[in-house]
Amino acid sequence: MWASDRIHAASLSLLLETESGKEVPFAFVEYASFGIIRKVVIRSSDRREVLKIYRRVEKIKAGFMPEKTEEKFCPECTFSEHCVSNSSLMSKFF
């Protein structure tokens, strides 16, 4: 299972839990092009990652851009000029 599928399944399970008030311990992910349906256990780490992403999106919506971290996707990112860096010159050396 791909990591993005785990996050997607966890986010949908959190929405279902909010609506129903019951815990959703697993989800089914369908890979239609391969004809495969997989049962996925929703881990607490997946839930934490979804909540972390949610908080980052809320900050962006409030006008705060996330701190810039150079990653492998940065050269292709169309928003790289909008990234901000709150780090000091001293932090680059230590």
PDB file of N, CA and C in Angstrom:
ATOM      1  N   MET A   1       0.844  -1.178   0.000  1.00  0.00           N
ATOM      2  CA  MET A   1       0.000   0.000   0.000  1.00  0.00           C
ATOM      3  C   MET A   1       0.885   1.235   0.000  1.00  0.00           C
ATOM      4  N   TRP A   2       0.505   2.219  -0.753  1.00  0.00           N
ATOM      5  CA  TRP A   2       1.249   3.463  -0.832  1.00  0.00           C
ATOM      6  C   TRP A   2       0.952   4.336   0.385  1.00  0.00           C
ATOM      7  N   ALA A   3       1.944   5.138   0.776  1.00  0.00           N
ATOM      8  CA  ALA A   3       1.785   6.002   1.963  1.00  0.00           C
ATOM      9  C   ALA A   3       0.633   6.982   1.773  1.00  0.00           C
ATOM     10  N   SER A   4       0.479   7.515   0.571  1.00  0.00           N
ATOM     11  CA  SER A   4      -0.612   8.463   0.332  1.00  0.00           C
ATOM     12  C   SER A   4      -1.973   7.795   0.493  1.00  0.00           C
ATOM     13  N   ASP A   5      -2.057   6.511   0.154  1.00  0.00           N
ATOM     14  CA  ASP A   5      -3.313   5.783   0.346  1.00  0.00           C
ATOM     15  C   ASP A   5      -3.605   5.590   1.829  1.00  0.00           C
ATOM     16  N   ARG A   6      -2.561   5.349   2.619  1.00  0.00           N
ATOM     17  CA  ARG A   6      -2.743   5.203   4.062  1.00  0.00           C
ATOM     18  C   ARG A   6      -3.272   6.501   4.659  1.00  0.00           C
ATOM     19  N   ILE A   7      -2.706   7.633   4.227  1.00  0.00           N
ATOM     20  CA  ILE A   7      -3.130   8.935   4.739  1.00  0.00           C
ATOM     21  C   ILE A   7      -4.566   9.218   4.310  1.00  0.00           C
ATOM     22  N   HIS A   8      -4.891   8.908   3.066  1.00  0.00           N
ATOM     23  CA  HIS A   8      -6.249   9.121   2.567  1.00  0.00           C
ATOM     24  C   HIS A   8      -7.249   8.278   3.358  1.00  0.00           C
ATOM     25  N   ALA A   9      -6.919   7.008   3.576  1.00  0.00           N
ATOM     26  CA  ALA A   9      -7.810   6.128   4.334  1.00  0.00           C
ATOM     27  C   ALA A   9      -7.961   6.623   5.776  1.00  0.00           C
ATOM     28  N   ALA A  10      -6.864   7.076   6.379  1.00  0.00           N
ATOM     29  CA  ALA A  10      -6.920   7.574   7.758  1.00  0.00           C
ATOM     30  C   ALA A  10      -7.760   8.844   7.849  1.00  0.00           C
ATOM     31  N   SER A  11      -7.622   9.728   6.851  1.00  0.00           N
ATOM     32  CA  SER A  11      -8.405  10.963   6.889  1.00  0.00           C
ATOM     33  C   SER A  11      -9.897  10.675   6.747  1.00  0.00           C
ATOM     34  N   LEU A  12     -10.240   9.754   5.875  1.00  0.00           N
ATOM     35  CA  LEU A  12     -11.657   9.400   5.727  1.00  0.00           C
ATOM     36  C   LEU A  12     -12.186   8.704   6.976  1.00  0.00           C
ATOM     37  N   SER A  13     -11.343   7.887   7.614  1.00  0.00           N
ATOM     38  CA  SER A  13     -11.791   7.227   8.849  1.00  0.00           C
ATOM     39  C   SER A  13     -12.025   8.250   9.959  1.00  0.00           C
ATOM     40  N   LEU A  14     -11.177   9.292  10.029  1.00  0.00           N
ATOM     41  CA  LEU A  14     -11.394  10.342  11.026  1.00  0.00           C
ATOM     42  C   LEU A  14     -12.705  11.080  10.778  1.00  0.00           C
ATOM     43  N   LEU A  15     -13.025  11.327   9.516  1.00  0.00           N
ATOM     44  CA  LEU A  15     -14.306  11.970   9.196  1.00  0.00           C
ATOM     45  C   LEU A  15     -15.483  11.079   9.603  1.00  0.00           C
ATOM     46  N   LEU A  16     -15.371   9.790   9.297  1.00  0.00           N
ATOM     47  CA  LEU A  16     -16.441   8.864   9.684  1.00  0.00           C
ATOM     48  C   LEU A  16     -16.592   8.780  11.192  1.00  0.00           C
ATOM     49  N   GLU A  17     -15.466   8.780  11.915  1.00  0.00           N
ATOM     50  CA  GLU A  17     -15.520   8.730  13.371  1.00  0.00           C
ATOM     51  C   GLU A  17     -16.192   9.970  13.946  1.00  0.00           C
ATOM     52  N   THR A  18     -15.925  11.114  13.336  1.00  0.00           N
ATOM     53  CA  THR A  18     -16.544  12.361  13.787  1.00  0.00           C
ATOM     54  C   THR A  18     -18.057  12.313  13.598  1.00  0.00           C
ATOM     55  N   GLU A  19     -18.489  11.802  12.466  1.00  0.00           N
ATOM     56  CA  GLU A  19     -19.924  11.729  12.172  1.00  0.00           C
ATOM     57  C   GLU A  19     -20.643  10.676  13.005  1.00  0.00           C
ATOM     58  N   SER A  20     -20.031   9.500  13.133  1.00  0.00           N
ATOM     59  CA  SER A  20     -20.734   8.384  13.780  1.00  0.00           C
ATOM     60  C   SER A  20     -20.476   8.286  15.277  1.00  0.00           C
ATOM     61  N   GLY A  21     -19.356   8.861  15.729  1.00  0.00           N
ATOM     62  CA  GLY A  21     -19.016   8.748  17.137  1.00  0.00           C
ATOM     63  C   GLY A  21     -18.426   7.398  17.503  1.00  0.00           C
ATOM     64  N   LYS A  22     -18.144   6.571  16.517  1.00  0.00           N
ATOM     65  CA  LYS A  22     -17.573   5.239  16.740  1.00  0.00           C
ATOM     66  C   LYS A  22     -16.196   5.168  16.082  1.00  0.00           C
ATOM     67  N   GLU A  23     -15.334   4.339  16.663  1.00  0.00           N
ATOM     68  CA  GLU A  23     -13.993   4.172  16.099  1.00  0.00           C
ATOM     69  C   GLU A  23     -14.052   3.352  14.818  1.00  0.00           C
ATOM     70  N   VAL A  24     -13.284   3.779  13.823  1.00  0.00           N
ATOM     71  CA  VAL A  24     -13.164   3.054  12.563  1.00  0.00           C
ATOM     72  C   VAL A  24     -11.766   2.439  12.547  1.00  0.00           C
ATOM     73  N   PRO A  25     -11.642   1.141  12.837  1.00  0.00           N
ATOM     74  CA  PRO A  25     -10.315   0.536  12.981  1.00  0.00           C
ATOM     75  C   PRO A  25      -9.627   0.153  11.675  1.00  0.00           C
ATOM     76  N   PHE A  26     -10.391   0.041  10.592  1.00  0.00           N
ATOM     77  CA  PHE A  26      -9.784  -0.355   9.317  1.00  0.00           C
ATOM     78  C   PHE A  26     -10.558   0.247   8.156  1.00  0.00           C
ATOM     79  N   ALA A  27      -9.949   0.145   6.985  1.00  0.00           N
ATOM     80  CA  ALA A  27     -10.584   0.636   5.758  1.00  0.00           C
ATOM     81  C   ALA A  27     -10.234  -0.331   4.631  1.00  0.00           C
ATOM     82  N   PHE A  28     -10.964  -0.234   3.548  1.00  0.00           N
ATOM     83  CA  PHE A  28     -10.657  -1.012   2.353  1.00  0.00           C
ATOM     84  C   PHE A  28     -10.210  -0.048   1.270  1.00  0.00           C
ATOM     85  N   VAL A  29      -9.095  -0.377   0.632  1.00  0.00           N
ATOM     86  CA  VAL A  29      -8.567   0.435  -0.459  1.00  0.00           C
ATOM     87  C   VAL A  29      -8.655  -0.388  -1.726  1.00  0.00           C
ATOM     88  N   GLU A  30      -9.274   0.195  -2.745  1.00  0.00           N
ATOM     89  CA  GLU A  30      -9.450  -0.501  -4.010  1.00  0.00           C
ATOM     90  C   GLU A  30      -8.442   0.007  -5.029  1.00  0.00           C
ATOM     91  N   TYR A  31      -7.696  -0.919  -5.603  1.00  0.00           N
ATOM     92  CA  TYR A  31      -6.790  -0.604  -6.708  1.00  0.00           C
ATOM     93  C   TYR A  31      -7.462  -1.143  -7.970  1.00  0.00           C
ATOM     94  N   ALA A  32      -8.295  -0.303  -8.562  1.00  0.00           N
ATOM     95  CA  ALA A  32      -9.143  -0.736  -9.676  1.00  0.00           C
ATOM     96  C   ALA A  32      -8.331  -1.212 -10.879  1.00  0.00           C
ATOM     97  N   SER A  33      -7.217  -0.563 -11.168  1.00  0.00           N
ATOM     98  CA  SER A  33      -6.449  -0.954 -12.345  1.00  0.00           C
ATOM     99  C   SER A  33      -5.821  -2.341 -12.191  1.00  0.00           C
ATOM    100  N   PHE A  34      -5.650  -2.802 -10.953  1.00  0.00           N
ATOM    101  CA  PHE A  34      -5.098  -4.130 -10.712  1.00  0.00           C
ATOM    102  C   PHE A  34      -6.156  -5.131 -10.274  1.00  0.00           C
ATOM    103  N   GLY A  35      -7.361  -4.644 -10.002  1.00  0.00           N
ATOM    104  CA  GLY A  35      -8.432  -5.522  -9.542  1.00  0.00           C
ATOM    105  C   GLY A  35      -8.191  -6.049  -8.134  1.00  0.00           C
ATOM    106  N   ILE A  36      -7.578  -5.228  -7.291  1.00  0.00           N
ATOM    107  CA  ILE A  36      -7.238  -5.643  -5.929  1.00  0.00           C
ATOM    108  C   ILE A  36      -7.960  -4.754  -4.922  1.00  0.00           C
ATOM    109  N   ILE A  37      -8.486  -5.375  -3.877  1.00  0.00           N
ATOM    110  CA  ILE A  37      -9.056  -4.653  -2.739  1.00  0.00           C
ATOM    111  C   ILE A  37      -8.270  -5.101  -1.518  1.00  0.00           C
ATOM    112  N   ARG A  38      -7.704  -4.129  -0.787  1.00  0.00           N
ATOM    113  CA  ARG A  38      -6.901  -4.453   0.387  1.00  0.00           C
ATOM    114  C   ARG A  38      -7.536  -3.886   1.654  1.00  0.00           C
ATOM    115  N   LYS A  39      -7.492  -4.669   2.708  1.00  0.00           N
ATOM    116  CA  LYS A  39      -7.931  -4.204   4.021  1.00  0.00           C
ATOM    117  C   LYS A  39      -6.730  -3.552   4.689  1.00  0.00           C
ATOM    118  N   VAL A  40      -6.939  -2.344   5.212  1.00  0.00           N
ATOM    119  CA  VAL A  40      -5.860  -1.587   5.833  1.00  0.00           C
ATOM    120  C   VAL A  40      -6.257  -1.237   7.256  1.00  0.00           C
ATOM    121  N   VAL A  41      -5.410  -1.589   8.199  1.00  0.00           N
ATOM    122  CA  VAL A  41      -5.631  -1.205   9.593  1.00  0.00           C
ATOM    123  C   VAL A  41      -5.177   0.239   9.743  1.00  0.00           C
ATOM    124  N   ILE A  42      -6.038   1.071  10.314  1.00  0.00           N
ATOM    125  CA  ILE A  42      -5.722   2.480  10.520  1.00  0.00           C
ATOM    126  C   ILE A  42      -4.871   2.581  11.787  1.00  0.00           C
ATOM    127  N   ARG A  43      -3.621   2.975  11.620  1.00  0.00           N
ATOM    128  CA  ARG A  43      -2.698   3.075  12.750  1.00  0.00           C
ATOM    129  C   ARG A  43      -2.795   4.456  13.404  1.00  0.00           C
ATOM    130  N   SER A  44      -2.395   4.515  14.646  1.00  0.00           N
ATOM    131  CA  SER A  44      -2.397   5.805  15.343  1.00  0.00           C
ATOM    132  C   SER A  44      -1.403   6.767  14.705  1.00  0.00           C
ATOM    133  N   SER A  45      -0.325   6.259  14.141  1.00  0.00           N
ATOM    134  CA  SER A  45       0.638   7.130  13.457  1.00  0.00           C
ATOM    135  C   SER A  45       0.017   7.759  12.207  1.00  0.00           C
ATOM    136  N   ASP A  46      -0.863   7.025  11.527  1.00  0.00           N
ATOM    137  CA  ASP A  46      -1.564   7.578  10.365  1.00  0.00           C
ATOM    138  C   ASP A  46      -2.504   8.706  10.795  1.00  0.00           C
ATOM    139  N   ARG A  47      -3.186   8.492  11.901  1.00  0.00           N
ATOM    140  CA  ARG A  47      -4.099   9.519  12.417  1.00  0.00           C
ATOM    141  C   ARG A  47      -3.333  10.776  12.815  1.00  0.00           C
ATOM    142  N   ARG A  48      -2.182  10.590  13.474  1.00  0.00           N
ATOM    143  CA  ARG A  48      -1.354  11.740  13.861  1.00  0.00           C
ATOM    144  C   ARG A  48      -0.886  12.510  12.641  1.00  0.00           C
ATOM    145  N   GLU A  49      -0.493  11.787  11.592  1.00  0.00           N
ATOM    146  CA  GLU A  49      -0.022  12.444  10.368  1.00  0.00           C
ATOM    147  C   GLU A  49      -1.142  13.258   9.719  1.00  0.00           C
ATOM    148  N   VAL A  50      -2.359  12.719   9.717  1.00  0.00           N
ATOM    149  CA  VAL A  50      -3.507  13.448   9.168  1.00  0.00           C
ATOM    150  C   VAL A  50      -3.753  14.723   9.957  1.00  0.00           C
ATOM    151  N   LEU A  51      -3.708  14.632  11.282  1.00  0.00           N
ATOM    152  CA  LEU A  51      -3.938  15.820  12.118  1.00  0.00           C
ATOM    153  C   LEU A  51      -2.817  16.844  11.926  1.00  0.00           C
ATOM    154  N   LYS A  52      -1.598  16.377  11.737  1.00  0.00           N
ATOM    155  CA  LYS A  52      -0.473  17.274  11.473  1.00  0.00           C
ATOM    156  C   LYS A  52      -0.675  18.023  10.154  1.00  0.00           C
ATOM    157  N   ILE A  53      -1.102  17.302   9.133  1.00  0.00           N
ATOM    158  CA  ILE A  53      -1.377  17.919   7.829  1.00  0.00           C
ATOM    159  C   ILE A  53      -2.523  18.921   7.958  1.00  0.00           C
ATOM    160  N   TYR A  54      -3.546  18.548   8.707  1.00  0.00           N
ATOM    161  CA  TYR A  54      -4.700  19.434   8.908  1.00  0.00           C
ATOM    162  C   TYR A  54      -4.265  20.753   9.556  1.00  0.00           C
ATOM    163  N   ARG A  55      -3.421  20.652  10.595  1.00  0.00           N
ATOM    164  CA  ARG A  55      -2.951  21.869  11.272  1.00  0.00           C
ATOM    165  C   ARG A  55      -2.116  22.739  10.339  1.00  0.00           C
ATOM    166  N   ARG A  56      -1.310  22.113   9.495  1.00  0.00           N
ATOM    167  CA  ARG A  56      -0.510  22.891   8.536  1.00  0.00           C
ATOM    168  C   ARG A  56      -1.405  23.614   7.528  1.00  0.00           C
ATOM    169  N   VAL A  57      -2.434  22.949   7.063  1.00  0.00           N
ATOM    170  CA  VAL A  57      -3.367  23.571   6.111  1.00  0.00           C
ATOM    171  C   VAL A  57      -4.091  24.737   6.765  1.00  0.00           C
ATOM    172  N   GLU A  58      -4.502  24.563   8.015  1.00  0.00           N
ATOM    173  CA  GLU A  58      -5.178  25.650   8.732  1.00  0.00           C
ATOM    174  C   GLU A  58      -4.258  26.857   8.888  1.00  0.00           C
ATOM    175  N   LYS A  59      -2.982  26.626   9.158  1.00  0.00           N
ATOM    176  CA  LYS A  59      -2.032  27.734   9.269  1.00  0.00           C
ATOM    177  C   LYS A  59      -1.881  28.466   7.932  1.00  0.00           C
ATOM    178  N   ILE A  60      -1.811  27.712   6.853  1.00  0.00           N
ATOM    179  CA  ILE A  60      -1.700  28.319   5.527  1.00  0.00           C
ATOM    180  C   ILE A  60      -2.945  29.143   5.217  1.00  0.00           C
ATOM    181  N   LYS A  61      -4.124  28.608   5.546  1.00  0.00           N
ATOM    182  CA  LYS A  61      -5.372  29.346   5.320  1.00  0.00           C
ATOM    183  C   LYS A  61      -5.419  30.625   6.141  1.00  0.00           C
ATOM    184  N   ALA A  62      -4.753  30.615   7.314  1.00  0.00           N
ATOM    185  CA  ALA A  62      -4.718  31.803   8.173  1.00  0.00           C
ATOM    186  C   ALA A  62      -3.645  32.797   7.733  1.00  0.00           C
ATOM    187  N   GLY A  63      -2.868  32.445   6.705  1.00  0.00           N
ATOM    188  CA  GLY A  63      -1.878  33.370   6.170  1.00  0.00           C
ATOM    189  C   GLY A  63      -0.445  33.096   6.562  1.00  0.00           C
ATOM    190  N   PHE A  64      -0.189  32.012   7.284  1.00  0.00           N
ATOM    191  CA  PHE A  64       1.174  31.671   7.685  1.00  0.00           C
ATOM    192  C   PHE A  64       1.712  30.571   6.787  1.00  0.00           C
ATOM    193  N   MET A  65       2.740  30.895   6.016  1.00  0.00           N
ATOM    194  CA  MET A  65       3.371  29.886   5.163  1.00  0.00           C
ATOM    195  C   MET A  65       4.293  29.030   6.023  1.00  0.00           C
ATOM    196  N   PRO A  66       4.392  27.742   5.731  1.00  0.00           N
ATOM    197  CA  PRO A  66       5.284  26.882   6.506  1.00  0.00           C
ATOM    198  C   PRO A  66       6.749  27.258   6.288  1.00  0.00           C
ATOM    199  N   GLU A  67       7.569  26.927   7.275  1.00  0.00           N
ATOM    200  CA  GLU A  67       8.986  27.229   7.160  1.00  0.00           C
ATOM    201  C   GLU A  67       9.590  26.405   6.025  1.00  0.00           C
ATOM    202  N   LYS A  68      10.461  27.032   5.280  1.00  0.00           N
ATOM    203  CA  LYS A  68      11.050  26.380   4.113  1.00  0.00           C
ATOM    204  C   LYS A  68      12.060  25.334   4.555  1.00  0.00           C
ATOM    205  N   THR A  69      11.910  24.135   4.029  1.00  0.00           N
ATOM    206  CA  THR A  69      12.886  23.073   4.212  1.00  0.00           C
ATOM    207  C   THR A  69      13.223  22.539   2.835  1.00  0.00           C
ATOM    208  N   GLU A  70      14.489  22.491   2.536  1.00  0.00           N
ATOM    209  CA  GLU A  70      14.905  22.003   1.223  1.00  0.00           C
ATOM    210  C   GLU A  70      14.679  20.498   1.144  1.00  0.00           C
ATOM    211  N   GLU A  71      13.823  20.079   0.245  1.00  0.00           N
ATOM    212  CA  GLU A  71      13.544  18.672   0.034  1.00  0.00           C
ATOM    213  C   GLU A  71      13.724  18.350  -1.436  1.00  0.00           C
ATOM    214  N   LYS A  72      13.594  17.084  -1.779  1.00  0.00           N
ATOM    215  CA  LYS A  72      13.813  16.675  -3.163  1.00  0.00           C
ATOM    216  C   LYS A  72      12.756  17.238  -4.117  1.00  0.00           C
ATOM    217  N   PHE A  73      11.607  17.672  -3.570  1.00  0.00           N
ATOM    218  CA  PHE A  73      10.545  18.191  -4.424  1.00  0.00           C
ATOM    219  C   PHE A  73      10.674  19.695  -4.678  1.00  0.00           C
ATOM    220  N   CYS A  74      11.529  20.382  -3.926  1.00  0.00           N
ATOM    221  CA  CYS A  74      11.643  21.837  -4.035  1.00  0.00           C
ATOM    222  C   CYS A  74      11.986  22.346  -5.445  1.00  0.00           C
ATOM    223  N   PRO A  75      12.899  21.725  -6.174  1.00  0.00           N
ATOM    224  CA  PRO A  75      13.210  22.255  -7.512  1.00  0.00           C
ATOM    225  C   PRO A  75      12.016  22.275  -8.464  1.00  0.00           C
ATOM    226  N   GLU A  76      11.068  21.351  -8.297  1.00  0.00           N
ATOM    227  CA  GLU A  76       9.904  21.306  -9.185  1.00  0.00           C
ATOM    228  C   GLU A  76       8.700  22.068  -8.653  1.00  0.00           C
ATOM    229  N   CYS A  77       8.761  22.522  -7.400  1.00  0.00           N
ATOM    230  CA  CYS A  77       7.615  23.153  -6.764  1.00  0.00           C
ATOM    231  C   CYS A  77       7.356  24.546  -7.348  1.00  0.00           C
ATOM    232  N   THR A  78       6.107  24.801  -7.699  1.00  0.00           N
ATOM    233  CA  THR A  78       5.752  26.110  -8.252  1.00  0.00           C
ATOM    234  C   THR A  78       5.536  27.156  -7.170  1.00  0.00           C
ATOM    235  N   PHE A  79       5.522  26.744  -5.897  1.00  0.00           N
ATOM    236  CA  PHE A  79       5.297  27.672  -4.795  1.00  0.00           C
ATOM    237  C   PHE A  79       6.569  27.971  -4.009  1.00  0.00           C
ATOM    238  N   SER A  80       7.715  27.524  -4.494  1.00  0.00           N
ATOM    239  CA  SER A  80       8.950  27.674  -3.724  1.00  0.00           C
ATOM    240  C   SER A  80       9.302  29.131  -3.463  1.00  0.00           C
ATOM    241  N   GLU A  81       8.914  30.040  -4.339  1.00  0.00           N
ATOM    242  CA  GLU A  81       9.216  31.455  -4.110  1.00  0.00           C
ATOM    243  C   GLU A  81       8.384  32.048  -2.977  1.00  0.00           C
ATOM    244  N   HIS A  82       7.307  31.365  -2.569  1.00  0.00           N
ATOM    245  CA  HIS A  82       6.460  31.842  -1.482  1.00  0.00           C
ATOM    246  C   HIS A  82       6.878  31.281  -0.123  1.00  0.00           C
ATOM    247  N   CYS A  83       7.792  30.322  -0.114  1.00  0.00           N
ATOM    248  CA  CYS A  83       8.237  29.720   1.142  1.00  0.00           C
ATOM    249  C   CYS A  83       8.965  30.760   1.973  1.00  0.00           C
ATOM    250  N   VAL A  84       8.842  30.620   3.269  1.00  0.00           N
ATOM    251  CA  VAL A  84       9.521  31.541   4.182  1.00  0.00           C
ATOM    252  C   VAL A  84      10.471  30.749   5.058  1.00  0.00           C
ATOM    253  N   SER A  85      11.483  31.403   5.531  1.00  0.00           N
ATOM    254  CA  SER A  85      12.435  30.771   6.423  1.00  0.00           C
ATOM    255  C   SER A  85      12.559  31.626   7.671  1.00  0.00           C
ATOM    256  N   ASN A  86      12.203  31.062   8.817  1.00  0.00           N
ATOM    257  CA  ASN A  86      12.302  31.768  10.085  1.00  0.00           C
ATOM    258  C   ASN A  86      13.620  31.474  10.788  1.00  0.00           C
ATOM    259  N   SER A  87      14.489  30.709  10.128  1.00  0.00           N
ATOM    260  CA  SER A  87      15.745  30.345  10.764  1.00  0.00           C
ATOM    261  C   SER A  87      16.750  31.482  10.661  1.00  0.00           C
ATOM    262  N   SER A  88      17.669  31.497  11.592  1.00  0.00           N
ATOM    263  CA  SER A  88      18.695  32.541  11.609  1.00  0.00           C
ATOM    264  C   SER A  88      19.944  32.057  10.888  1.00  0.00           C
ATOM    265  N   LEU A  89      20.852  32.965  10.659  1.00  0.00           N
ATOM    266  CA  LEU A  89      22.108  32.609  10.023  1.00  0.00           C
ATOM    267  C   LEU A  89      22.882  31.628  10.910  1.00  0.00           C
ATOM    268  N   MET A  90      22.810  31.812  12.208  1.00  0.00           N
ATOM    269  CA  MET A  90      23.512  30.942  13.151  1.00  0.00           C
ATOM    270  C   MET A  90      23.006  29.500  13.057  1.00  0.00           C
ATOM    271  N   SER A  91      21.698  29.311  12.804  1.00  0.00           N
ATOM    272  CA  SER A  91      21.139  27.975  12.757  1.00  0.00           C
ATOM    273  C   SER A  91      21.651  27.187  11.545  1.00  0.00           C
ATOM    274  N   LYS A  92      22.157  27.874  10.540  1.00  0.00           N
ATOM    275  CA  LYS A  92      22.683  27.185   9.371  1.00  0.00           C
ATOM    276  C   LYS A  92      24.021  26.498   9.676  1.00  0.00           C
ATOM    277  N   PHE A  93      24.708  26.944  10.711  1.00  0.00           N
ATOM    278  CA  PHE A  93      26.004  26.379  11.066  1.00  0.00           C
ATOM    279  C   PHE A  93      25.927  25.287  12.124  1.00  0.00           C
ATOM    280  N   PHE A  94      24.823  25.250  12.883  1.00  0.00           N
ATOM    281  CA  PHE A  94      24.716  24.274  13.975  1.00  0.00           C
ATOM    282  C   PHE A  94      23.521  23.387  13.833  1.00  0.00           C
TER     283      PHE A  94
END
